[in-house]
Amino acid sequence: MYGVIAYLNSESEQKINQLRDGLVKEGIVGHGMRPHVTLATHPEVDIESFKVSFQNYFNEIAAIPLFFPSLAIFLNSGTLYAAPTKNSELTDFHLRYHDHFKSEINQQSLYIPSHWVPHCTLVMDLSHEDVVKAFDYSARNLEPFHATIDSVALIQLTYEADICTDVKDILTVELKKS
Protein backbone atom coordinates (compact mmCIF):
# COMPACT_ATOMS: atom_id res chain seq x y z
CA MET A 1 0.00 0.00 0.00
CA TYR A 2 1.10 3.56 -0.70
CA GLY A 3 0.26 6.75 1.13
CA VAL A 4 0.48 10.42 0.29
CA ILE A 5 1.46 12.56 3.23
CA ALA A 6 1.94 16.29 3.60
CA TYR A 7 4.93 17.25 5.74
CA LEU A 8 4.86 20.32 7.95
CA ASN A 9 7.52 23.02 8.05
CA SER A 10 10.53 22.36 10.30
CA GLU A 11 9.45 24.72 13.12
CA SER A 12 6.13 22.90 13.44
CA GLU A 13 7.87 19.52 13.36
CA GLN A 14 10.15 20.68 16.17
CA LYS A 15 7.16 21.82 18.24
CA ILE A 16 5.47 18.42 17.84
CA ASN A 17 8.67 16.50 18.49
CA GLN A 18 9.26 18.51 21.70
CA LEU A 19 5.75 17.59 22.82
CA ARG A 20 6.43 13.93 22.02
CA ASP A 21 9.68 14.08 24.04
CA GLY A 22 7.72 15.51 26.96
CA LEU A 23 5.18 12.70 26.71
CA VAL A 24 7.98 10.12 26.85
CA LYS A 25 9.42 11.84 29.96
CA GLU A 26 5.95 11.50 31.52
CA GLY A 27 6.05 7.76 30.77
CA ILE A 28 3.59 7.97 27.88
CA VAL A 29 5.16 5.99 25.09
CA GLY A 30 3.39 5.30 21.82
CA HIS A 31 4.24 5.48 18.16
CA GLY A 32 4.26 8.35 15.72
CA MET A 33 5.80 9.03 12.34
CA ARG A 34 7.39 12.25 11.23
CA PRO A 35 4.69 14.95 11.74
CA HIS A 36 2.39 15.09 8.72
CA VAL A 37 -1.18 15.26 7.45
CA THR A 38 -2.24 12.25 5.38
CA LEU A 39 -3.97 13.07 2.09
CA ALA A 40 -4.66 9.68 0.49
CA THR A 41 -3.89 6.00 0.24
CA HIS A 42 -3.36 3.97 -2.91
CA PRO A 43 -3.71 0.17 -2.79
CA GLU A 44 -1.22 -0.57 -5.56
CA VAL A 45 0.16 1.54 -8.37
CA ASP A 46 2.67 1.19 -11.18
CA ILE A 47 5.24 2.94 -9.02
CA GLU A 48 7.57 4.23 -11.73
CA SER A 49 4.83 5.90 -13.80
CA PHE A 50 3.03 7.07 -10.66
CA LYS A 51 6.20 8.77 -9.38
CA VAL A 52 6.39 10.79 -12.59
CA SER A 53 2.71 11.80 -12.36
CA PHE A 54 3.10 12.60 -8.66
CA GLN A 55 6.18 14.79 -9.26
CA ASN A 56 4.56 16.61 -12.17
CA TYR A 57 1.36 17.21 -10.23
CA PHE A 58 3.01 18.66 -7.11
CA ASN A 59 5.72 20.70 -8.92
CA GLU A 60 3.30 23.57 -9.47
CA ILE A 61 1.44 23.46 -6.13
CA ALA A 62 2.07 26.19 -3.57
CA ALA A 63 2.67 25.61 0.14
CA ILE A 64 -0.51 25.45 2.22
CA PRO A 65 -0.93 27.47 5.44
CA LEU A 66 -2.50 25.69 8.42
CA PHE A 67 -3.67 26.64 11.89
CA PHE A 68 -3.82 23.99 14.62
CA PRO A 69 -6.16 25.23 17.38
CA SER A 70 -7.29 21.93 18.91
CA LEU A 71 -6.54 18.42 20.13
CA ALA A 72 -8.70 15.37 19.56
CA ILE A 73 -8.73 11.58 19.66
CA PHE A 74 -9.98 8.93 17.30
CA LEU A 75 -12.43 6.77 19.20
CA ASN A 76 -11.21 3.35 20.30
CA SER A 77 -7.88 3.82 18.55
CA GLY A 78 -5.37 4.97 21.15
CA THR A 79 -4.56 7.94 18.88
CA LEU A 80 -4.21 11.57 19.96
CA TYR A 81 -3.84 14.22 17.29
CA ALA A 82 -3.60 17.96 16.66
CA ALA A 83 -6.43 19.13 14.42
CA PRO A 84 -5.98 21.91 11.88
CA THR A 85 -8.82 24.21 10.92
CA LYS A 86 -10.32 22.81 7.74
CA ASN A 87 -9.82 26.02 5.74
CA SER A 88 -10.54 26.50 2.05
CA GLU A 89 -6.86 26.10 1.02
CA LEU A 90 -6.54 22.77 2.81
CA THR A 91 -9.90 21.48 1.57
CA ASP A 92 -9.13 22.50 -2.02
CA PHE A 93 -5.62 20.99 -1.83
CA HIS A 94 -7.13 17.67 -0.72
CA LEU A 95 -10.07 17.67 -3.16
CA ARG A 96 -7.90 18.52 -6.16
CA TYR A 97 -5.51 15.66 -5.37
CA HIS A 98 -8.38 13.18 -5.08
CA ASP A 99 -9.96 14.44 -8.29
CA HIS A 100 -6.68 14.27 -10.22
CA PHE A 101 -5.74 10.75 -9.03
CA LYS A 102 -9.27 9.34 -8.57
CA SER A 103 -8.61 6.22 -10.62
CA GLU A 104 -5.75 5.18 -8.30
CA ILE A 105 -7.28 6.18 -4.93
CA ASN A 106 -8.45 3.59 -2.43
CA GLN A 107 -12.17 4.46 -2.38
CA GLN A 108 -12.67 2.58 0.91
CA SER A 109 -10.07 4.75 2.63
CA LEU A 110 -10.74 7.06 5.55
CA TYR A 111 -8.91 9.73 3.55
CA ILE A 112 -11.47 10.15 0.74
CA PRO A 113 -13.04 13.62 0.86
CA SER A 114 -16.35 12.51 2.39
CA HIS A 115 -14.58 10.75 5.31
CA TRP A 116 -11.39 12.75 5.74
CA VAL A 117 -10.56 14.19 9.14
CA PRO A 118 -7.42 16.28 8.62
CA HIS A 119 -5.05 15.66 11.49
CA CYS A 120 -1.45 15.40 12.61
CA THR A 121 -0.95 12.39 14.85
CA LEU A 122 0.89 13.25 18.03
CA VAL A 123 0.98 9.73 19.45
CA MET A 124 -0.82 6.46 18.75
CA ASP A 125 -1.15 2.90 19.98
CA LEU A 126 -1.85 4.05 23.54
CA SER A 127 -3.99 2.39 26.18
CA HIS A 128 -7.14 4.25 27.20
CA GLU A 129 -5.43 5.43 30.39
CA ASP A 130 -2.42 6.75 28.49
CA VAL A 131 -4.65 8.53 25.94
CA VAL A 132 -6.24 10.41 28.85
CA LYS A 133 -2.80 11.25 30.30
CA ALA A 134 -1.45 12.27 26.87
CA PHE A 135 -4.46 14.49 26.22
CA ASP A 136 -4.06 16.20 29.60
CA TYR A 137 -0.31 16.70 29.12
CA SER A 138 -0.74 17.99 25.58
CA ALA A 139 -3.56 20.37 26.52
CA ARG A 140 -1.28 21.90 29.16
CA ASN A 141 1.87 22.02 27.00
CA LEU A 142 0.83 22.72 23.42
CA GLU A 143 -0.40 26.14 22.36
CA PRO A 144 -2.38 26.71 19.17
CA PHE A 145 0.12 27.07 16.33
CA HIS A 146 0.46 28.03 12.69
CA ALA A 147 2.15 25.63 10.31
CA THR A 148 2.76 25.22 6.61
CA ILE A 149 2.57 22.15 4.43
CA ASP A 150 5.84 22.65 2.59
CA SER A 151 6.38 19.25 0.98
CA VAL A 152 4.44 16.14 0.03
CA ALA A 153 5.74 12.58 0.09
CA LEU A 154 4.77 9.32 -1.50
CA ILE A 155 5.41 6.55 1.02
CA GLN A 156 5.20 2.78 0.91
CA LEU A 157 3.62 0.98 3.85
CA THR A 158 4.19 -2.69 4.60
CA TYR A 159 1.61 -4.55 6.69
CA GLU A 160 1.71 -7.88 8.45
CA ALA A 161 -1.54 -9.10 10.05
CA ASP A 162 -3.09 -5.61 9.71
CA ILE A 163 -0.15 -4.00 11.56
CA CYS A 164 2.12 -1.56 9.77
CA THR A 165 5.65 -2.94 10.10
CA ASP A 166 7.58 -0.62 7.78
CA VAL A 167 7.28 2.81 6.16
CA LYS A 168 9.58 3.93 3.34
CA ASP A 169 9.74 7.34 1.72
CA ILE A 170 9.61 6.81 -2.05
CA LEU A 171 9.57 10.41 -3.28
CA THR A 172 9.27 13.83 -1.64
CA VAL A 173 8.33 16.96 -3.59
CA GLU A 174 8.93 20.44 -2.18
CA LEU A 175 5.95 22.77 -2.69
CA LYS A 176 6.42 26.25 -4.09
CA LYS A 177 6.90 28.98 -1.50
CA SER A 178 3.70 31.00 -1.26
C-alpha atoms as a PDB file:
ATOM      1  CA  MET A   1       0.000   0.000   0.000  1.00  0.00           C
ATOM      2  CA  TYR A   2       1.098   3.556  -0.698  1.00  0.00           C
ATOM      3  CA  GLY A   3       0.264   6.750   1.132  1.00  0.00           C
ATOM      4  CA  VAL A   4       0.476  10.418   0.294  1.00  0.00           C
ATOM      5  CA  ILE A   5       1.463  12.559   3.228  1.00  0.00           C
ATOM      6  CA  ALA A   6       1.945  16.293   3.595  1.00  0.00           C
ATOM      7  CA  TYR A   7       4.933  17.250   5.736  1.00  0.00           C
ATOM      8  CA  LEU A   8       4.862  20.317   7.951  1.00  0.00           C
ATOM      9  CA  ASN A   9       7.521  23.025   8.055  1.00  0.00           C
ATOM     10  CA  SER A  10      10.529  22.365  10.302  1.00  0.00           C
ATOM     11  CA  GLU A  11       9.450  24.721  13.122  1.00  0.00           C
ATOM     12  CA  SER A  12       6.131  22.897  13.442  1.00  0.00           C
ATOM     13  CA  GLU A  13       7.868  19.524  13.355  1.00  0.00           C
ATOM     14  CA  GLN A  14      10.154  20.677  16.175  1.00  0.00           C
ATOM     15  CA  LYS A  15       7.157  21.816  18.239  1.00  0.00           C
ATOM     16  CA  ILE A  16       5.467  18.418  17.841  1.00  0.00           C
ATOM     17  CA  ASN A  17       8.674  16.497  18.495  1.00  0.00           C
ATOM     18  CA  GLN A  18       9.258  18.506  21.699  1.00  0.00           C
ATOM     19  CA  LEU A  19       5.752  17.594  22.822  1.00  0.00           C
ATOM     20  CA  ARG A  20       6.429  13.926  22.021  1.00  0.00           C
ATOM     21  CA  ASP A  21       9.683  14.080  24.036  1.00  0.00           C
ATOM     22  CA  GLY A  22       7.724  15.505  26.965  1.00  0.00           C
ATOM     23  CA  LEU A  23       5.176  12.696  26.709  1.00  0.00           C
ATOM     24  CA  VAL A  24       7.980  10.124  26.849  1.00  0.00           C
ATOM     25  CA  LYS A  25       9.416  11.845  29.957  1.00  0.00           C
ATOM     26  CA  GLU A  26       5.953  11.497  31.515  1.00  0.00           C
ATOM     27  CA  GLY A  27       6.048   7.761  30.774  1.00  0.00           C
ATOM     28  CA  ILE A  28       3.592   7.969  27.884  1.00  0.00           C
ATOM     29  CA  VAL A  29       5.162   5.986  25.086  1.00  0.00           C
ATOM     30  CA  GLY A  30       3.389   5.299  21.817  1.00  0.00           C
ATOM     31  CA  HIS A  31       4.238   5.482  18.159  1.00  0.00           C
ATOM     32  CA  GLY A  32       4.259   8.347  15.719  1.00  0.00           C
ATOM     33  CA  MET A  33       5.802   9.029  12.339  1.00  0.00           C
ATOM     34  CA  ARG A  34       7.387  12.254  11.230  1.00  0.00           C
ATOM     35  CA  PRO A  35       4.693  14.949  11.745  1.00  0.00           C
ATOM     36  CA  HIS A  36       2.386  15.092   8.720  1.00  0.00           C
ATOM     37  CA  VAL A  37      -1.184  15.264   7.451  1.00  0.00           C
ATOM     38  CA  THR A  38      -2.243  12.247   5.378  1.00  0.00           C
ATOM     39  CA  LEU A  39      -3.970  13.069   2.090  1.00  0.00           C
ATOM     40  CA  ALA A  40      -4.658   9.680   0.494  1.00  0.00           C
ATOM     41  CA  THR A  41      -3.887   5.997   0.242  1.00  0.00           C
ATOM     42  CA  HIS A  42      -3.362   3.968  -2.906  1.00  0.00           C
ATOM     43  CA  PRO A  43      -3.712   0.168  -2.789  1.00  0.00           C
ATOM     44  CA  GLU A  44      -1.219  -0.573  -5.562  1.00  0.00           C
ATOM     45  CA  VAL A  45       0.164   1.541  -8.371  1.00  0.00           C
ATOM     46  CA  ASP A  46       2.671   1.193 -11.177  1.00  0.00           C
ATOM     47  CA  ILE A  47       5.239   2.936  -9.020  1.00  0.00           C
ATOM     48  CA  GLU A  48       7.571   4.233 -11.733  1.00  0.00           C
ATOM     49  CA  SER A  49       4.832   5.904 -13.796  1.00  0.00           C
ATOM     50  CA  PHE A  50       3.028   7.067 -10.657  1.00  0.00           C
ATOM     51  CA  LYS A  51       6.197   8.775  -9.378  1.00  0.00           C
ATOM     52  CA  VAL A  52       6.387  10.793 -12.593  1.00  0.00           C
ATOM     53  CA  SER A  53       2.706  11.797 -12.363  1.00  0.00           C
ATOM     54  CA  PHE A  54       3.099  12.601  -8.656  1.00  0.00           C
ATOM     55  CA  GLN A  55       6.183  14.786  -9.255  1.00  0.00           C
ATOM     56  CA  ASN A  56       4.562  16.610 -12.173  1.00  0.00           C
ATOM     57  CA  TYR A  57       1.363  17.210 -10.228  1.00  0.00           C
ATOM     58  CA  PHE A  58       3.009  18.662  -7.114  1.00  0.00           C
ATOM     59  CA  ASN A  59       5.718  20.697  -8.917  1.00  0.00           C
ATOM     60  CA  GLU A  60       3.299  23.570  -9.472  1.00  0.00           C
ATOM     61  CA  ILE A  61       1.441  23.463  -6.125  1.00  0.00           C
ATOM     62  CA  ALA A  62       2.069  26.192  -3.566  1.00  0.00           C
ATOM     63  CA  ALA A  63       2.670  25.614   0.140  1.00  0.00           C
ATOM     64  CA  ILE A  64      -0.513  25.445   2.224  1.00  0.00           C
ATOM     65  CA  PRO A  65      -0.933  27.473   5.443  1.00  0.00           C
ATOM     66  CA  LEU A  66      -2.497  25.686   8.417  1.00  0.00           C
ATOM     67  CA  PHE A  67      -3.665  26.639  11.889  1.00  0.00           C
ATOM     68  CA  PHE A  68      -3.820  23.995  14.619  1.00  0.00           C
ATOM     69  CA  PRO A  69      -6.164  25.231  17.378  1.00  0.00           C
ATOM     70  CA  SER A  70      -7.290  21.932  18.905  1.00  0.00           C
ATOM     71  CA  LEU A  71      -6.541  18.425  20.130  1.00  0.00           C
ATOM     72  CA  ALA A  72      -8.702  15.369  19.557  1.00  0.00           C
ATOM     73  CA  ILE A  73      -8.734  11.579  19.658  1.00  0.00           C
ATOM     74  CA  PHE A  74      -9.979   8.930  17.297  1.00  0.00           C
ATOM     75  CA  LEU A  75     -12.430   6.770  19.198  1.00  0.00           C
ATOM     76  CA  ASN A  76     -11.208   3.349  20.299  1.00  0.00           C
ATOM     77  CA  SER A  77      -7.878   3.819  18.554  1.00  0.00           C
ATOM     78  CA  GLY A  78      -5.371   4.974  21.153  1.00  0.00           C
ATOM     79  CA  THR A  79      -4.564   7.936  18.878  1.00  0.00           C
ATOM     80  CA  LEU A  80      -4.207  11.572  19.964  1.00  0.00           C
ATOM     81  CA  TYR A  81      -3.844  14.225  17.288  1.00  0.00           C
ATOM     82  CA  ALA A  82      -3.604  17.958  16.658  1.00  0.00           C
ATOM     83  CA  ALA A  83      -6.435  19.131  14.417  1.00  0.00           C
ATOM     84  CA  PRO A  84      -5.981  21.908  11.877  1.00  0.00           C
ATOM     85  CA  THR A  85      -8.820  24.205  10.922  1.00  0.00           C
ATOM     86  CA  LYS A  86     -10.322  22.809   7.738  1.00  0.00           C
ATOM     87  CA  ASN A  87      -9.816  26.020   5.745  1.00  0.00           C
ATOM     88  CA  SER A  88     -10.535  26.495   2.048  1.00  0.00           C
ATOM     89  CA  GLU A  89      -6.861  26.102   1.023  1.00  0.00           C
ATOM     90  CA  LEU A  90      -6.541  22.767   2.808  1.00  0.00           C
ATOM     91  CA  THR A  91      -9.895  21.478   1.567  1.00  0.00           C
ATOM     92  CA  ASP A  92      -9.134  22.500  -2.018  1.00  0.00           C
ATOM     93  CA  PHE A  93      -5.622  20.986  -1.829  1.00  0.00           C
ATOM     94  CA  HIS A  94      -7.134  17.665  -0.718  1.00  0.00           C
ATOM     95  CA  LEU A  95     -10.071  17.667  -3.161  1.00  0.00           C
ATOM     96  CA  ARG A  96      -7.899  18.523  -6.160  1.00  0.00           C
ATOM     97  CA  TYR A  97      -5.511  15.659  -5.371  1.00  0.00           C
ATOM     98  CA  HIS A  98      -8.381  13.177  -5.080  1.00  0.00           C
ATOM     99  CA  ASP A  99      -9.956  14.437  -8.292  1.00  0.00           C
ATOM    100  CA  HIS A 100      -6.680  14.266 -10.220  1.00  0.00           C
ATOM    101  CA  PHE A 101      -5.745  10.750  -9.029  1.00  0.00           C
ATOM    102  CA  LYS A 102      -9.275   9.344  -8.566  1.00  0.00           C
ATOM    103  CA  SER A 103      -8.607   6.216 -10.623  1.00  0.00           C
ATOM    104  CA  GLU A 104      -5.753   5.184  -8.301  1.00  0.00           C
ATOM    105  CA  ILE A 105      -7.281   6.178  -4.928  1.00  0.00           C
ATOM    106  CA  ASN A 106      -8.449   3.587  -2.425  1.00  0.00           C
ATOM    107  CA  GLN A 107     -12.172   4.458  -2.380  1.00  0.00           C
ATOM    108  CA  GLN A 108     -12.666   2.577   0.912  1.00  0.00           C
ATOM    109  CA  SER A 109     -10.073   4.747   2.631  1.00  0.00           C
ATOM    110  CA  LEU A 110     -10.741   7.060   5.550  1.00  0.00           C
ATOM    111  CA  TYR A 111      -8.909   9.730   3.550  1.00  0.00           C
ATOM    112  CA  ILE A 112     -11.467  10.146   0.739  1.00  0.00           C
ATOM    113  CA  PRO A 113     -13.040  13.620   0.862  1.00  0.00           C
ATOM    114  CA  SER A 114     -16.352  12.507   2.394  1.00  0.00           C
ATOM    115  CA  HIS A 115     -14.576  10.747   5.306  1.00  0.00           C
ATOM    116  CA  TRP A 116     -11.389  12.752   5.743  1.00  0.00           C
ATOM    117  CA  VAL A 117     -10.556  14.186   9.142  1.00  0.00           C
ATOM    118  CA  PRO A 118      -7.419  16.276   8.619  1.00  0.00           C
ATOM    119  CA  HIS A 119      -5.046  15.657  11.494  1.00  0.00           C
ATOM    120  CA  CYS A 120      -1.446  15.405  12.608  1.00  0.00           C
ATOM    121  CA  THR A 121      -0.953  12.389  14.849  1.00  0.00           C
ATOM    122  CA  LEU A 122       0.893  13.252  18.028  1.00  0.00           C
ATOM    123  CA  VAL A 123       0.976   9.732  19.449  1.00  0.00           C
ATOM    124  CA  MET A 124      -0.822   6.459  18.749  1.00  0.00           C
ATOM    125  CA  ASP A 125      -1.148   2.896  19.982  1.00  0.00           C
ATOM    126  CA  LEU A 126      -1.849   4.052  23.541  1.00  0.00           C
ATOM    127  CA  SER A 127      -3.986   2.392  26.183  1.00  0.00           C
ATOM    128  CA  HIS A 128      -7.137   4.254  27.199  1.00  0.00           C
ATOM    129  CA  GLU A 129      -5.434   5.426  30.393  1.00  0.00           C
ATOM    130  CA  ASP A 130      -2.425   6.752  28.495  1.00  0.00           C
ATOM    131  CA  VAL A 131      -4.652   8.526  25.937  1.00  0.00           C
ATOM    132  CA  VAL A 132      -6.236  10.411  28.846  1.00  0.00           C
ATOM    133  CA  LYS A 133      -2.804  11.253  30.296  1.00  0.00           C
ATOM    134  CA  ALA A 134      -1.449  12.274  26.866  1.00  0.00           C
ATOM    135  CA  PHE A 135      -4.461  14.486  26.223  1.00  0.00           C
ATOM    136  CA  ASP A 136      -4.056  16.198  29.603  1.00  0.00           C
ATOM    137  CA  TYR A 137      -0.308  16.703  29.124  1.00  0.00           C
ATOM    138  CA  SER A 138      -0.743  17.993  25.575  1.00  0.00           C
ATOM    139  CA  ALA A 139      -3.563  20.372  26.519  1.00  0.00           C
ATOM    140  CA  ARG A 140      -1.282  21.898  29.157  1.00  0.00           C
ATOM    141  CA  ASN A 141       1.866  22.020  27.002  1.00  0.00           C
ATOM    142  CA  LEU A 142       0.831  22.724  23.424  1.00  0.00           C
ATOM    143  CA  GLU A 143      -0.396  26.143  22.364  1.00  0.00           C
ATOM    144  CA  PRO A 144      -2.385  26.709  19.167  1.00  0.00           C
ATOM    145  CA  PHE A 145       0.121  27.074  16.334  1.00  0.00           C
ATOM    146  CA  HIS A 146       0.458  28.031  12.691  1.00  0.00           C
ATOM    147  CA  ALA A 147       2.151  25.630  10.309  1.00  0.00           C
ATOM    148  CA  THR A 148       2.759  25.217   6.611  1.00  0.00           C
ATOM    149  CA  ILE A 149       2.566  22.152   4.432  1.00  0.00           C
ATOM    150  CA  ASP A 150       5.839  22.653   2.591  1.00  0.00           C
ATOM    151  CA  SER A 151       6.381  19.245   0.982  1.00  0.00           C
ATOM    152  CA  VAL A 152       4.442  16.140   0.032  1.00  0.00           C
ATOM    153  CA  ALA A 153       5.737  12.577   0.092  1.00  0.00           C
ATOM    154  CA  LEU A 154       4.775   9.318  -1.505  1.00  0.00           C
ATOM    155  CA  ILE A 155       5.410   6.552   1.016  1.00  0.00           C
ATOM    156  CA  GLN A 156       5.195   2.780   0.906  1.00  0.00           C
ATOM    157  CA  LEU A 157       3.624   0.981   3.852  1.00  0.00           C
ATOM    158  CA  THR A 158       4.190  -2.693   4.604  1.00  0.00           C
ATOM    159  CA  TYR A 159       1.609  -4.546   6.691  1.00  0.00           C
ATOM    160  CA  GLU A 160       1.711  -7.883   8.451  1.00  0.00           C
ATOM    161  CA  ALA A 161      -1.541  -9.098  10.054  1.00  0.00           C
ATOM    162  CA  ASP A 162      -3.087  -5.609   9.707  1.00  0.00           C
ATOM    163  CA  ILE A 163      -0.153  -4.000  11.559  1.00  0.00           C
ATOM    164  CA  CYS A 164       2.125  -1.561   9.767  1.00  0.00           C
ATOM    165  CA  THR A 165       5.646  -2.937  10.096  1.00  0.00           C
ATOM    166  CA  ASP A 166       7.580  -0.623   7.782  1.00  0.00           C
ATOM    167  CA  VAL A 167       7.280   2.808   6.163  1.00  0.00           C
ATOM    168  CA  LYS A 168       9.578   3.926   3.342  1.00  0.00           C
ATOM    169  CA  ASP A 169       9.736   7.342   1.723  1.00  0.00           C
ATOM    170  CA  ILE A 170       9.609   6.809  -2.046  1.00  0.00           C
ATOM    171  CA  LEU A 171       9.571  10.412  -3.277  1.00  0.00           C
ATOM    172  CA  THR A 172       9.274  13.833  -1.642  1.00  0.00           C
ATOM    173  CA  VAL A 173       8.334  16.963  -3.587  1.00  0.00           C
ATOM    174  CA  GLU A 174       8.928  20.435  -2.181  1.00  0.00           C
ATOM    175  CA  LEU A 175       5.954  22.765  -2.692  1.00  0.00           C
ATOM    176  CA  LYS A 176       6.422  26.254  -4.091  1.00  0.00           C
ATOM    177  CA  LYS A 177       6.898  28.983  -1.504  1.00  0.00           C
ATOM    178  CA  SER A 178       3.699  31.005  -1.259  1.00  0.00           C
END
